[in-house]
Amino acid sequence: MKKIALVLGLMFMLGSSVNASSYEFSCPTNPYSTSIGLSNITGINFLAERTADMLIKNAILKDSKGKYKVDMQSYNISSLKKGIFKSLEINGKDTNTDGIYISNIKLKTLCDYNYIELDNKNNTAKFKENFLMAFALQLTQDDLINTMQSNRHYLELIRKANSIGNASKLFNIVSTSAKIHDNKMYYVMKVAIPLIKKRPEIVIQTDLKARAGEIIIDDSHLITNSFSLDMSKLDKILNYLNPLEFAMGIFEEKQAVTKVHEITIQNNTINVTGTLNVPKDVVTEQ
């Protein structure tokens, strides 16, 4: 899976566009806070920003399908060439990134001074200052189903979860799905149980919570009355297969710190908000 495809990957285009131990990051001092460049007055900078928007959008579309809008704001052409910019906002609709489906995604920088230095010779990018972004995601029932049933990495999780199930003498998971009804989430598993020929369907109602920056499946209830299962063991399996936490893999990068602040279900749509931070002096490959 291409990690952090919607953030770091697109940042690597900035150089050509105009030619984790703590969550508490602070914004850098902005040396451009009171300056107005000549390129802003003449309108040249506006054209450079729109060129950057187009190239960043094209970079995103190399790794993600969907409809994207990009809005970059810079200080002047010379700073933009160095990788310095004021703000960046990205909005995506009906996206598919490495088999992770999200109906709506919004990313926006939180600081008014951002500096990512490119080294095209060594094919690296260095974050010269702390880099902070807020994100907001909206996922529907169809998004969850498409991710759970078609993403090869998620299917591999199911294979591994079956080994956990065998060890606990529960069942083998044949397939998984999800339902969202009356603003409640249901995890659906078709399973194979020893000595039973049919492959019954187990339906579990779950609560979703943000805990320690992650999405946790909590307070699960078995809806299928024909089964009696140890819910403490089942909770472990459900969290291992948590499709929401799996979807956060679009931001996964060992140098980045991602924190979920809130998760809610409204109008049968899951809403996830949080922040993504990359510490100063991190160097990544382009």
C-alpha atoms as a PDB file:
ATOM      1  CA  MET A   1       0.000   0.000   0.000  1.00  0.00           C
ATOM      2  CA  LYS A   2       1.276   3.456  -0.887  1.00  0.00           C
ATOM      3  CA  LYS A   3       1.564   5.153   2.498  1.00  0.00           C
ATOM      4  CA  ILE A   4       0.239   8.653   3.163  1.00  0.00           C
ATOM      5  CA  ALA A   5      -0.581   8.930  -0.517  1.00  0.00           C
ATOM      6  CA  LEU A   6      -2.883  11.901  -0.051  1.00  0.00           C
ATOM      7  CA  VAL A   7      -0.425  14.019   1.927  1.00  0.00           C
ATOM      8  CA  LEU A   8       3.273  13.354   1.692  1.00  0.00           C
ATOM      9  CA  GLY A   9       3.186  11.939  -1.819  1.00  0.00           C
ATOM     10  CA  LEU A  10       1.563  15.024  -3.269  1.00  0.00           C
ATOM     11  CA  MET A  11       3.933  17.342  -1.412  1.00  0.00           C
ATOM     12  CA  PHE A  12       6.801  15.910  -3.392  1.00  0.00           C
ATOM     13  CA  MET A  13       5.409  17.638  -6.494  1.00  0.00           C
ATOM     14  CA  LEU A  14       5.885  21.116  -5.083  1.00  0.00           C
ATOM     15  CA  GLY A  15       9.449  21.487  -6.298  1.00  0.00           C
ATOM     16  CA  SER A  16       8.391  21.080  -9.925  1.00  0.00           C
ATOM     17  CA  SER A  17       5.035  22.770  -9.628  1.00  0.00           C
ATOM     18  CA  VAL A  18       6.389  26.232 -10.265  1.00  0.00           C
ATOM     19  CA  ASN A  19       9.444  25.655 -12.526  1.00  0.00           C
ATOM     20  CA  ALA A  20       6.407  10.933  16.141  1.00  0.00           C
ATOM     21  CA  SER A  21       6.793  10.732  19.801  1.00  0.00           C
ATOM     22  CA  SER A  22       4.216  13.353  20.751  1.00  0.00           C
ATOM     23  CA  TYR A  23       1.038  14.798  19.308  1.00  0.00           C
ATOM     24  CA  GLU A  24       1.842  18.245  20.660  1.00  0.00           C
ATOM     25  CA  PHE A  25       3.455  20.064  17.764  1.00  0.00           C
ATOM     26  CA  SER A  26       3.663  23.843  17.553  1.00  0.00           C
ATOM     27  CA  CYS A  27       3.535  25.926  14.401  1.00  0.00           C
ATOM     28  CA  PRO A  28       6.829  27.463  13.267  1.00  0.00           C
ATOM     29  CA  THR A  29       7.468  31.198  13.315  1.00  0.00           C
ATOM     30  CA  ASN A  30       6.333  32.735  10.057  1.00  0.00           C
ATOM     31  CA  PRO A  31       8.957  35.058   8.499  1.00  0.00           C
ATOM     32  CA  TYR A  32       6.449  36.116   5.824  1.00  0.00           C
ATOM     33  CA  SER A  33       3.730  37.312   8.198  1.00  0.00           C
ATOM     34  CA  THR A  34       4.033  41.002   7.248  1.00  0.00           C
ATOM     35  CA  SER A  35       5.573  40.845   3.772  1.00  0.00           C
ATOM     36  CA  ILE A  36       3.946  41.184   0.357  1.00  0.00           C
ATOM     37  CA  GLY A  37       5.992  40.051  -2.626  1.00  0.00           C
ATOM     38  CA  LEU A  38       6.086  41.758  -6.013  1.00  0.00           C
ATOM     39  CA  SER A  39       4.759  38.589  -7.637  1.00  0.00           C
ATOM     40  CA  ASN A  40       1.603  38.900  -5.516  1.00  0.00           C
ATOM     41  CA  ILE A  41       1.002  42.438  -6.704  1.00  0.00           C
ATOM     42  CA  THR A  42       1.492  41.585 -10.377  1.00  0.00           C
ATOM     43  CA  GLY A  43      -0.623  38.441 -10.222  1.00  0.00           C
ATOM     44  CA  ILE A  44       2.227  36.165 -11.279  1.00  0.00           C
ATOM     45  CA  ASN A  45       2.028  34.325  -7.980  1.00  0.00           C
ATOM     46  CA  PHE A  46      -1.655  33.568  -8.562  1.00  0.00           C
ATOM     47  CA  LEU A  47      -0.773  31.807 -11.809  1.00  0.00           C
ATOM     48  CA  ALA A  48       1.988  29.868 -10.061  1.00  0.00           C
ATOM     49  CA  GLU A  49      -0.462  28.747  -7.360  1.00  0.00           C
ATOM     50  CA  ARG A  50      -2.942  27.485  -9.941  1.00  0.00           C
ATOM     51  CA  THR A  51      -0.151  25.620 -11.702  1.00  0.00           C
ATOM     52  CA  ALA A  52       0.788  24.058  -8.376  1.00  0.00           C
ATOM     53  CA  ASP A  53      -2.868  23.115  -7.792  1.00  0.00           C
ATOM     54  CA  MET A  54      -3.012  21.308 -11.122  1.00  0.00           C
ATOM     55  CA  LEU A  55       0.255  19.434 -10.640  1.00  0.00           C
ATOM     56  CA  ILE A  56      -0.590  18.393  -7.085  1.00  0.00           C
ATOM     57  CA  LYS A  57      -3.988  17.154  -8.266  1.00  0.00           C
ATOM     58  CA  ASN A  58      -2.310  15.154 -11.030  1.00  0.00           C
ATOM     59  CA  ALA A  59       0.102  13.686  -8.463  1.00  0.00           C
ATOM     60  CA  ILE A  60      -2.813  12.597  -6.261  1.00  0.00           C
ATOM     61  CA  LEU A  61      -4.607  10.980  -9.192  1.00  0.00           C
ATOM     62  CA  LYS A  62      -1.582   8.785  -9.871  1.00  0.00           C
ATOM     63  CA  ASP A  63      -2.279   6.976  -6.597  1.00  0.00           C
ATOM     64  CA  SER A  64      -5.961   7.647  -5.954  1.00  0.00           C
ATOM     65  CA  LYS A  65      -9.162   7.625  -7.977  1.00  0.00           C
ATOM     66  CA  GLY A  66     -11.873  10.208  -7.385  1.00  0.00           C
ATOM     67  CA  LYS A  67     -12.742  13.854  -7.891  1.00  0.00           C
ATOM     68  CA  TYR A  68     -10.271  16.239  -6.262  1.00  0.00           C
ATOM     69  CA  LYS A  69     -10.007  19.978  -5.752  1.00  0.00           C
ATOM     70  CA  VAL A  70      -6.735  21.531  -4.617  1.00  0.00           C
ATOM     71  CA  ASP A  71      -6.157  25.054  -3.319  1.00  0.00           C
ATOM     72  CA  MET A  72      -2.610  26.137  -2.526  1.00  0.00           C
ATOM     73  CA  GLN A  73      -1.745  29.602  -1.228  1.00  0.00           C
ATOM     74  CA  SER A  74       1.856  30.809  -1.339  1.00  0.00           C
ATOM     75  CA  TYR A  75       3.816  33.953  -0.470  1.00  0.00           C
ATOM     76  CA  ASN A  76       5.745  34.481  -3.694  1.00  0.00           C
ATOM     77  CA  ILE A  77       7.292  32.523  -6.519  1.00  0.00           C
ATOM     78  CA  SER A  78      10.791  32.349  -5.055  1.00  0.00           C
ATOM     79  CA  SER A  79       9.570  30.854  -1.764  1.00  0.00           C
ATOM     80  CA  LEU A  80       7.292  28.409  -3.560  1.00  0.00           C
ATOM     81  CA  LYS A  81      10.242  27.141  -5.591  1.00  0.00           C
ATOM     82  CA  LYS A  82      11.999  26.343  -2.316  1.00  0.00           C
ATOM     83  CA  GLY A  83       8.972  24.403  -1.069  1.00  0.00           C
ATOM     84  CA  ILE A  84       7.629  27.160   1.200  1.00  0.00           C
ATOM     85  CA  PHE A  85       3.894  27.819   1.102  1.00  0.00           C
ATOM     86  CA  LYS A  86       1.204  29.457   3.201  1.00  0.00           C
ATOM     87  CA  SER A  87      -1.559  26.860   3.102  1.00  0.00           C
ATOM     88  CA  LEU A  88      -2.887  23.851   1.266  1.00  0.00           C
ATOM     89  CA  GLU A  89      -6.412  22.468   1.175  1.00  0.00           C
ATOM     90  CA  ILE A  90      -7.454  19.276  -0.595  1.00  0.00           C
ATOM     91  CA  ASN A  91     -11.022  18.045  -1.053  1.00  0.00           C
ATOM     92  CA  GLY A  92     -11.762  14.620  -2.510  1.00  0.00           C
ATOM     93  CA  LYS A  93     -15.060  13.000  -3.383  1.00  0.00           C
ATOM     94  CA  ASP A  94     -15.778   9.300  -4.019  1.00  0.00           C
ATOM     95  CA  THR A  95     -12.136   8.366  -3.589  1.00  0.00           C
ATOM     96  CA  ASN A  96     -10.382   5.019  -3.854  1.00  0.00           C
ATOM     97  CA  THR A  97      -6.800   4.942  -2.610  1.00  0.00           C
ATOM     98  CA  ASP A  98      -5.155   1.526  -2.777  1.00  0.00           C
ATOM     99  CA  GLY A  99      -8.527  -0.154  -2.318  1.00  0.00           C
ATOM    100  CA  ILE A 100      -9.623   2.061   0.574  1.00  0.00           C
ATOM    101  CA  TYR A 101     -12.913   3.752  -0.300  1.00  0.00           C
ATOM    102  CA  ILE A 102     -13.884   7.116   1.232  1.00  0.00           C
ATOM    103  CA  SER A 103     -16.854   9.193   0.052  1.00  0.00           C
ATOM    104  CA  ASN A 104     -15.471  12.545   1.174  1.00  0.00           C
ATOM    105  CA  ILE A 105     -12.041  13.574   2.391  1.00  0.00           C
ATOM    106  CA  LYS A 106     -10.775  16.999   3.383  1.00  0.00           C
ATOM    107  CA  LEU A 107      -7.206  17.899   4.298  1.00  0.00           C
ATOM    108  CA  LYS A 108      -6.094  21.346   5.386  1.00  0.00           C
ATOM    109  CA  THR A 109      -2.805  22.674   6.755  1.00  0.00           C
ATOM    110  CA  LEU A 110      -3.020  24.169  10.242  1.00  0.00           C
ATOM    111  CA  CYS A 111       0.025  26.486  10.122  1.00  0.00           C
ATOM    112  CA  ASP A 112       0.502  29.545   7.914  1.00  0.00           C
ATOM    113  CA  TYR A 113       4.134  28.637   7.219  1.00  0.00           C
ATOM    114  CA  ASN A 114       5.002  25.266   5.694  1.00  0.00           C
ATOM    115  CA  TYR A 115       8.425  24.315   4.387  1.00  0.00           C
ATOM    116  CA  ILE A 116       9.270  21.055   2.615  1.00  0.00           C
ATOM    117  CA  GLU A 117      12.680  21.077   0.927  1.00  0.00           C
ATOM    118  CA  LEU A 118      13.134  18.831  -2.082  1.00  0.00           C
ATOM    119  CA  ASP A 119      16.380  17.180  -3.082  1.00  0.00           C
ATOM    120  CA  ASN A 120      15.705  15.875  -6.576  1.00  0.00           C
ATOM    121  CA  LYS A 121      19.288  14.617  -6.915  1.00  0.00           C
ATOM    122  CA  ASN A 122      18.892  12.217  -4.000  1.00  0.00           C
ATOM    123  CA  ASN A 123      15.141  11.812  -4.541  1.00  0.00           C
ATOM    124  CA  THR A 124      14.285  12.891  -0.984  1.00  0.00           C
ATOM    125  CA  ALA A 125      12.136  15.499   0.740  1.00  0.00           C
ATOM    126  CA  LYS A 126      12.987  17.077   4.081  1.00  0.00           C
ATOM    127  CA  PHE A 127      10.446  18.705   6.372  1.00  0.00           C
ATOM    128  CA  LYS A 128      12.266  21.865   7.404  1.00  0.00           C
ATOM    129  CA  GLU A 129       9.549  22.755   9.928  1.00  0.00           C
ATOM    130  CA  ASN A 130       6.835  20.915  11.846  1.00  0.00           C
ATOM    131  CA  PHE A 131       4.059  20.075   9.399  1.00  0.00           C
ATOM    132  CA  LEU A 132       0.470  19.894  10.662  1.00  0.00           C
ATOM    133  CA  MET A 133      -2.742  19.016   8.846  1.00  0.00           C
ATOM    134  CA  ALA A 134      -6.338  18.531   9.924  1.00  0.00           C
ATOM    135  CA  PHE A 135      -8.386  15.851   8.207  1.00  0.00           C
ATOM    136  CA  ALA A 136     -12.079  15.069   7.968  1.00  0.00           C
ATOM    137  CA  LEU A 137     -13.389  11.844   6.443  1.00  0.00           C
ATOM    138  CA  GLN A 138     -16.880  10.646   5.600  1.00  0.00           C
ATOM    139  CA  LEU A 139     -17.498   6.959   4.988  1.00  0.00           C
ATOM    140  CA  THR A 140     -20.728   5.259   3.972  1.00  0.00           C
ATOM    141  CA  GLN A 141     -21.858   1.671   4.304  1.00  0.00           C
ATOM    142  CA  ASP A 142     -20.862   1.084   0.675  1.00  0.00           C
ATOM    143  CA  ASP A 143     -17.373   2.464   1.372  1.00  0.00           C
ATOM    144  CA  LEU A 144     -16.872  -0.041   4.178  1.00  0.00           C
ATOM    145  CA  ILE A 145     -18.221  -2.961   2.147  1.00  0.00           C
ATOM    146  CA  ASN A 146     -16.080  -2.132  -0.889  1.00  0.00           C
ATOM    147  CA  THR A 147     -12.941  -1.869   1.255  1.00  0.00           C
ATOM    148  CA  MET A 148     -13.655  -5.025   3.242  1.00  0.00           C
ATOM    149  CA  GLN A 149     -14.519  -7.198   0.259  1.00  0.00           C
ATOM    150  CA  SER A 150     -12.019  -6.049  -2.363  1.00  0.00           C
ATOM    151  CA  ASN A 151      -8.883  -4.814  -0.585  1.00  0.00           C
ATOM    152  CA  ARG A 152      -6.274  -7.581  -0.668  1.00  0.00           C
ATOM    153  CA  HIS A 153      -4.602  -6.290   2.499  1.00  0.00           C
ATOM    154  CA  TYR A 154      -7.886  -6.463   4.373  1.00  0.00           C
ATOM    155  CA  LEU A 155      -8.530  -9.965   3.058  1.00  0.00           C
ATOM    156  CA  GLU A 156      -5.110 -10.920   4.393  1.00  0.00           C
ATOM    157  CA  LEU A 157      -6.196  -9.626   7.807  1.00  0.00           C
ATOM    158  CA  ILE A 158      -9.148 -12.006   7.667  1.00  0.00           C
ATOM    159  CA  ARG A 159      -6.805 -14.904   6.942  1.00  0.00           C
ATOM    160  CA  LYS A 160      -4.711 -13.991   9.976  1.00  0.00           C
ATOM    161  CA  ALA A 161      -7.804 -13.494  12.110  1.00  0.00           C
ATOM    162  CA  ASN A 162      -8.879 -17.039  11.275  1.00  0.00           C
ATOM    163  CA  SER A 163      -5.744 -18.336  12.937  1.00  0.00           C
ATOM    164  CA  ILE A 164      -6.789 -16.423  16.050  1.00  0.00           C
ATOM    165  CA  GLY A 165     -10.263 -17.920  15.765  1.00  0.00           C
ATOM    166  CA  ASN A 166      -8.880 -21.443  15.400  1.00  0.00           C
ATOM    167  CA  ALA A 167      -6.725 -20.953  18.463  1.00  0.00           C
ATOM    168  CA  SER A 168      -9.813 -19.895  20.406  1.00  0.00           C
ATOM    169  CA  LYS A 169     -11.948 -22.657  18.840  1.00  0.00           C
ATOM    170  CA  LEU A 170     -14.524 -20.121  17.668  1.00  0.00           C
ATOM    171  CA  PHE A 171     -14.943 -20.251  13.890  1.00  0.00           C
ATOM    172  CA  ASN A 172     -13.379 -19.463  10.539  1.00  0.00           C
ATOM    173  CA  ILE A 173     -14.437 -16.216   8.875  1.00  0.00           C
ATOM    174  CA  VAL A 174     -15.525 -16.785   5.281  1.00  0.00           C
ATOM    175  CA  SER A 175     -16.429 -13.183   4.430  1.00  0.00           C
ATOM    176  CA  THR A 176     -17.175  -9.867   6.126  1.00  0.00           C
ATOM    177  CA  SER A 177     -19.493  -6.960   5.497  1.00  0.00           C
ATOM    178  CA  ALA A 178     -20.963  -3.960   7.290  1.00  0.00           C
ATOM    179  CA  LYS A 179     -24.303  -2.253   7.750  1.00  0.00           C
ATOM    180  CA  ILE A 180     -25.203   1.204   9.007  1.00  0.00           C
ATOM    181  CA  HIS A 181     -28.815   1.557  10.088  1.00  0.00           C
ATOM    182  CA  ASP A 182     -30.417   4.209  12.287  1.00  0.00           C
ATOM    183  CA  ASN A 183     -26.946   5.656  12.862  1.00  0.00           C
ATOM    184  CA  LYS A 184     -25.687   2.393  14.311  1.00  0.00           C
ATOM    185  CA  MET A 185     -22.957   0.223  12.866  1.00  0.00           C
ATOM    186  CA  TYR A 186     -23.275  -3.520  12.420  1.00  0.00           C
ATOM    187  CA  TYR A 187     -20.398  -5.850  11.626  1.00  0.00           C
ATOM    188  CA  VAL A 188     -21.513  -8.871   9.605  1.00  0.00           C
ATOM    189  CA  MET A 189     -19.488 -12.074   9.316  1.00  0.00           C
ATOM    190  CA  LYS A 190     -20.279 -15.217   7.378  1.00  0.00           C
ATOM    191  CA  VAL A 191     -18.503 -18.013   9.221  1.00  0.00           C
ATOM    192  CA  ALA A 192     -17.676 -21.683   9.003  1.00  0.00           C
ATOM    193  CA  ILE A 193     -18.228 -23.520  12.298  1.00  0.00           C
ATOM    194  CA  PRO A 194     -16.935 -27.037  12.963  1.00  0.00           C
ATOM    195  CA  LEU A 195     -19.601 -29.773  12.643  1.00  0.00           C
ATOM    196  CA  ILE A 196     -22.064 -27.364  10.987  1.00  0.00           C
ATOM    197  CA  LYS A 197     -22.473 -27.662   7.204  1.00  0.00           C
ATOM    198  CA  LYS A 198     -24.177 -24.325   6.661  1.00  0.00           C
ATOM    199  CA  ARG A 199     -22.222 -21.085   6.768  1.00  0.00           C
ATOM    200  CA  PRO A 200     -24.288 -18.929   9.090  1.00  0.00           C
ATOM    201  CA  GLU A 201     -24.151 -15.148   9.296  1.00  0.00           C
ATOM    202  CA  ILE A 202     -23.214 -13.473  12.567  1.00  0.00           C
ATOM    203  CA  VAL A 203     -24.372  -9.876  13.072  1.00  0.00           C
ATOM    204  CA  ILE A 204     -22.783  -7.746  15.796  1.00  0.00           C
ATOM    205  CA  GLN A 205     -23.818  -4.221  16.734  1.00  0.00           C
ATOM    206  CA  THR A 206     -20.801  -2.122  17.672  1.00  0.00           C
ATOM    207  CA  ASP A 207     -19.988   1.293  19.080  1.00  0.00           C
ATOM    208  CA  LEU A 208     -17.173   3.333  17.574  1.00  0.00           C
ATOM    209  CA  LYS A 209     -14.967   5.461  19.818  1.00  0.00           C
ATOM    210  CA  ALA A 210     -11.829   7.555  19.490  1.00  0.00           C
ATOM    211  CA  ARG A 211      -9.388   6.350  22.118  1.00  0.00           C
ATOM    212  CA  ALA A 212      -5.704   7.295  22.364  1.00  0.00           C
ATOM    213  CA  GLY A 213      -5.886   8.685  18.845  1.00  0.00           C
ATOM    214  CA  GLU A 214      -7.249   5.475  17.320  1.00  0.00           C
ATOM    215  CA  ILE A 215     -10.686   4.201  16.297  1.00  0.00           C
ATOM    216  CA  ILE A 216     -11.855   1.482  18.682  1.00  0.00           C
ATOM    217  CA  ILE A 217     -14.759  -0.940  18.326  1.00  0.00           C
ATOM    218  CA  ASP A 218     -16.354  -1.059  21.756  1.00  0.00           C
ATOM    219  CA  ASP A 219     -19.388  -2.396  23.602  1.00  0.00           C
ATOM    220  CA  SER A 220     -20.249  -5.023  20.998  1.00  0.00           C
ATOM    221  CA  HIS A 221     -23.580  -6.842  21.143  1.00  0.00           C
ATOM    222  CA  LEU A 222     -24.425 -10.069  19.376  1.00  0.00           C
ATOM    223  CA  ILE A 223     -27.606  -9.567  17.350  1.00  0.00           C
ATOM    224  CA  THR A 224     -27.801 -13.115  15.994  1.00  0.00           C
ATOM    225  CA  ASN A 225     -29.801 -14.952  18.664  1.00  0.00           C
ATOM    226  CA  SER A 226     -28.938 -18.440  17.467  1.00  0.00           C
ATOM    227  CA  PHE A 227     -25.348 -18.137  18.699  1.00  0.00           C
ATOM    228  CA  SER A 228     -23.703 -17.820  22.051  1.00  0.00           C
ATOM    229  CA  LEU A 229     -20.162 -16.471  21.829  1.00  0.00           C
ATOM    230  CA  ASP A 230     -17.540 -15.108  24.203  1.00  0.00           C
ATOM    231  CA  MET A 231     -17.809 -11.388  23.394  1.00  0.00           C
ATOM    232  CA  SER A 232     -14.466 -10.578  25.037  1.00  0.00           C
ATOM    233  CA  LYS A 233     -12.721 -12.816  22.508  1.00  0.00           C
ATOM    234  CA  LEU A 234     -14.930 -11.557  19.698  1.00  0.00           C
ATOM    235  CA  ASP A 235     -14.098  -7.920  20.554  1.00  0.00           C
ATOM    236  CA  LYS A 236     -10.424  -8.688  20.021  1.00  0.00           C
ATOM    237  CA  ILE A 237     -11.141 -10.118  16.588  1.00  0.00           C
ATOM    238  CA  LEU A 238     -13.412  -7.200  15.665  1.00  0.00           C
ATOM    239  CA  ASN A 239     -10.777  -4.637  16.600  1.00  0.00           C
ATOM    240  CA  TYR A 240      -8.186  -6.619  14.669  1.00  0.00           C
ATOM    241  CA  LEU A 241     -10.489  -6.408  11.622  1.00  0.00           C
ATOM    242  CA  ASN A 242     -11.691  -2.866  12.347  1.00  0.00           C
ATOM    243  CA  PRO A 243     -12.438  -1.447   8.865  1.00  0.00           C
ATOM    244  CA  LEU A 244     -12.346   2.163  10.134  1.00  0.00           C
ATOM    245  CA  GLU A 245      -8.890   1.840  11.639  1.00  0.00           C
ATOM    246  CA  PHE A 246      -7.825  -0.003   8.487  1.00  0.00           C
ATOM    247  CA  ALA A 247      -9.067   2.917   6.373  1.00  0.00           C
ATOM    248  CA  MET A 248      -6.732   5.207   8.304  1.00  0.00           C
ATOM    249  CA  GLY A 249      -3.956   3.360   6.488  1.00  0.00           C
ATOM    250  CA  ILE A 250      -4.104   6.033   3.793  1.00  0.00           C
ATOM    251  CA  PHE A 251      -2.183   8.202   6.265  1.00  0.00           C
ATOM    252  CA  GLU A 252       0.122   5.477   7.551  1.00  0.00           C
ATOM    253  CA  GLU A 253       3.781   6.468   7.565  1.00  0.00           C
ATOM    254  CA  LYS A 254       6.273   5.695  10.290  1.00  0.00           C
ATOM    255  CA  GLN A 255       7.479   9.316  10.388  1.00  0.00           C
ATOM    256  CA  ALA A 256       3.979  10.778  10.669  1.00  0.00           C
ATOM    257  CA  VAL A 257       1.789  10.936  13.767  1.00  0.00           C
ATOM    258  CA  THR A 258      -1.926  10.529  13.071  1.00  0.00           C
ATOM    259  CA  LYS A 259      -4.505  11.134  15.784  1.00  0.00           C
ATOM    260  CA  VAL A 260      -8.270  10.637  15.545  1.00  0.00           C
ATOM    261  CA  HIS A 261     -10.063  13.249  17.654  1.00  0.00           C
ATOM    262  CA  GLU A 262     -13.702  12.358  17.072  1.00  0.00           C
ATOM    263  CA  ILE A 263     -15.841   9.760  15.328  1.00  0.00           C
ATOM    264  CA  THR A 264     -19.606  10.027  14.958  1.00  0.00           C
ATOM    265  CA  ILE A 265     -22.389   8.520  12.839  1.00  0.00           C
ATOM    266  CA  GLN A 266     -24.914  10.986  11.416  1.00  0.00           C
ATOM    267  CA  ASN A 267     -27.372  10.400   8.591  1.00  0.00           C
ATOM    268  CA  ASN A 268     -25.969   6.866   8.398  1.00  0.00           C
ATOM    269  CA  THR A 269     -22.571   8.261   7.474  1.00  0.00           C
ATOM    270  CA  ILE A 270     -19.446   7.805   9.586  1.00  0.00           C
ATOM    271  CA  ASN A 271     -17.558  11.056  10.254  1.00  0.00           C
ATOM    272  CA  VAL A 272     -13.933  10.970  11.378  1.00  0.00           C
ATOM    273  CA  THR A 273     -11.886  14.057  12.269  1.00  0.00           C
ATOM    274  CA  GLY A 274      -8.315  14.337  13.437  1.00  0.00           C
ATOM    275  CA  THR A 275      -4.834  15.651  12.805  1.00  0.00           C
ATOM    276  CA  LEU A 276      -1.721  14.468  11.040  1.00  0.00           C
ATOM    277  CA  ASN A 277       1.689  15.746  12.116  1.00  0.00           C
ATOM    278  CA  VAL A 278       5.168  15.305  10.669  1.00  0.00           C
ATOM    279  CA  PRO A 279       8.031  16.490  12.923  1.00  0.00           C
ATOM    280  CA  LYS A 280      10.704  18.880  11.778  1.00  0.00           C
ATOM    281  CA  ASP A 281      13.790  17.367  10.084  1.00  0.00           C
ATOM    282  CA  VAL A 282      12.029  14.199   8.940  1.00  0.00           C
ATOM    283  CA  VAL A 283      13.441  13.051   5.597  1.00  0.00           C
ATOM    284  CA  THR A 284      11.374  10.864   3.290  1.00  0.00           C
ATOM    285  CA  GLU A 285      11.849   9.403  -0.143  1.00  0.00           C
ATOM    286  CA  GLN A 286      10.046  11.041  -3.043  1.00  0.00           C
END
